Amino acid sequence: MNLINGVFNLLFLVLAAIVFGMSVYALVHAARVPTNAFISAGKLKKNLWLLILVLATLFSGAGAWSYFNAFLIIGSADFIGIGLGFFSILAVIAATVYIVDVKPAVKGMGGRGNSGPYGPW
């Protein structure tokens, strides 16, 4: 039974790290995009997206940290379970919506320099 618990604990730790990575990626991308690009694309304002993604990053980071600490302490003795489950799900939803919907909409808006049909010139 310890082997099965260890596998599940490791799986949840890896998933929590992936969610944290997605949230950080979305937050960094949102911070680098100009404010006008969000308005031009018809999306929520940049400040609101930054707030949503900061909260998603904090919650997913807390979840990953709790899994990491619990995995080091408990290991495979007991199943850790889903810590911060609801907030982790919200973090996944926020990061996924940004990456899938908002990022392609604001892509290329407010880029550097002049851009022709075949790339920058």
Protein backbone atom coordinates (compact mmCIF):
# COMPACT_ATOMS: atom_id res chain seq x y z
CA MET A 1 0.00 0.00 0.00
CA ASN A 2 2.92 2.35 0.67
CA LEU A 3 4.03 2.07 -2.96
CA ILE A 4 0.60 3.09 -4.25
CA ASN A 5 0.42 6.01 -1.80
CA GLY A 6 3.90 7.10 -2.84
CA VAL A 7 2.98 7.02 -6.52
CA PHE A 8 -0.16 9.08 -5.94
CA ASN A 9 1.69 11.55 -3.72
CA LEU A 10 4.37 11.97 -6.37
CA LEU A 11 1.72 12.38 -9.08
CA PHE A 12 -0.04 15.14 -7.15
CA LEU A 13 3.29 16.83 -6.46
CA VAL A 14 4.15 16.83 -10.19
CA LEU A 15 0.67 18.11 -11.11
CA ALA A 16 0.94 20.90 -8.54
CA ALA A 17 4.33 21.91 -9.94
CA ILE A 18 2.90 21.96 -13.49
CA VAL A 19 -0.01 24.15 -12.39
CA PHE A 20 2.42 26.51 -10.66
CA GLY A 21 4.55 26.67 -13.82
CA MET A 22 1.50 27.46 -15.96
CA SER A 23 0.46 30.23 -13.58
CA VAL A 24 3.93 31.78 -13.53
CA TYR A 25 4.16 31.60 -17.33
CA ALA A 26 0.77 33.27 -17.77
CA LEU A 27 1.64 35.96 -15.21
CA VAL A 28 4.97 36.79 -16.84
CA HIS A 29 3.37 36.95 -20.28
CA ALA A 30 0.56 39.20 -19.04
CA ALA A 31 3.06 41.52 -17.39
CA ARG A 32 5.02 41.89 -20.64
CA VAL A 33 2.04 42.64 -22.91
CA PRO A 34 1.15 46.34 -23.32
CA THR A 35 -2.03 47.58 -21.66
CA ASN A 36 -3.59 48.68 -24.96
CA ALA A 37 -3.32 45.17 -26.40
CA PHE A 38 -5.91 43.85 -23.94
CA ILE A 39 -8.34 46.65 -24.79
CA SER A 40 -7.77 46.25 -28.54
CA ALA A 41 -8.39 42.50 -28.32
CA GLY A 42 -11.63 43.04 -26.40
CA LYS A 43 -10.45 41.22 -23.29
CA LEU A 44 -10.49 42.20 -19.63
CA LYS A 45 -8.14 45.03 -18.63
CA LYS A 46 -4.52 44.23 -17.95
CA ASN A 47 -4.75 45.13 -14.25
CA LEU A 48 -7.61 42.69 -13.74
CA TRP A 49 -5.76 39.90 -15.54
CA LEU A 50 -2.66 40.60 -13.48
CA LEU A 51 -4.70 40.41 -10.27
CA ILE A 52 -6.31 37.12 -11.33
CA LEU A 53 -2.98 35.62 -12.35
CA VAL A 54 -1.16 36.81 -9.21
CA LEU A 55 -3.82 35.12 -7.10
CA ALA A 56 -3.61 31.99 -9.27
CA THR A 57 0.17 31.95 -8.89
CA LEU A 58 -0.03 32.41 -5.12
CA PHE A 59 -2.61 29.66 -4.67
CA SER A 60 -0.87 27.23 -6.99
CA GLY A 61 2.48 28.00 -5.36
CA ALA A 62 0.99 27.38 -1.92
CA GLY A 63 -0.47 24.10 -3.14
CA ALA A 64 2.83 22.99 -4.67
CA TRP A 65 4.71 23.98 -1.52
CA SER A 66 2.30 22.07 0.72
CA TYR A 67 2.60 18.97 -1.48
CA PHE A 68 6.38 19.28 -1.49
CA ASN A 69 6.59 19.59 2.30
CA ALA A 70 4.07 16.84 2.91
CA PHE A 71 5.82 14.57 0.43
CA LEU A 72 9.14 15.08 2.18
CA ILE A 73 7.66 14.51 5.65
CA ILE A 74 5.07 11.83 4.97
CA GLY A 75 6.56 10.33 1.84
CA SER A 76 4.63 7.26 0.88
CA ALA A 77 3.26 6.31 4.29
CA ASP A 78 -0.16 7.94 3.84
CA PHE A 79 -2.01 9.49 0.94
CA ILE A 80 -1.71 13.27 1.27
CA GLY A 81 -4.97 14.03 -0.54
CA ILE A 82 -5.92 17.17 -2.38
CA GLY A 83 -4.64 20.15 -0.44
CA LEU A 84 -6.04 23.57 -1.39
CA GLY A 85 -8.07 21.68 -3.98
CA PHE A 86 -10.70 24.29 -4.81
CA PHE A 87 -8.17 27.09 -5.13
CA SER A 88 -5.84 24.91 -7.20
CA ILE A 89 -8.70 24.18 -9.59
CA LEU A 90 -9.41 27.91 -9.87
CA ALA A 91 -5.72 28.54 -10.56
CA VAL A 92 -5.73 25.94 -13.35
CA ILE A 93 -8.84 27.52 -14.87
CA ALA A 94 -7.41 31.05 -14.72
CA ALA A 95 -4.04 30.10 -16.22
CA THR A 96 -5.64 27.95 -18.92
CA VAL A 97 -8.13 30.64 -19.94
CA TYR A 98 -5.33 33.16 -20.20
CA ILE A 99 -3.00 30.87 -22.18
CA VAL A 100 -5.68 29.52 -24.52
CA ASP A 101 -7.89 32.57 -25.04
CA VAL A 102 -6.19 35.83 -24.09
CA LYS A 103 -2.59 35.13 -25.12
CA PRO A 104 -3.42 34.41 -28.79
CA ALA A 105 -5.72 37.45 -28.91
CA VAL A 106 -3.04 39.86 -27.68
CA LYS A 107 -0.21 38.19 -29.60
CA GLY A 108 1.56 40.58 -31.93
CA MET A 109 -0.18 43.69 -30.58
CA GLY A 110 2.20 46.38 -29.50
CA GLY A 111 5.30 44.53 -30.63
CA ARG A 112 8.73 46.01 -31.17
CA GLY A 113 9.49 48.05 -34.27
CA ASN A 114 7.89 47.85 -37.65
CA SER A 115 6.46 44.57 -38.75
CA GLY A 116 5.73 43.56 -42.33
CA PRO A 117 3.79 40.59 -43.66
CA TYR A 118 6.89 38.38 -43.47
CA GLY A 119 8.24 39.53 -40.13
CA PRO A 120 9.98 42.59 -38.71
CA TRP A 121 12.01 44.89 -40.96
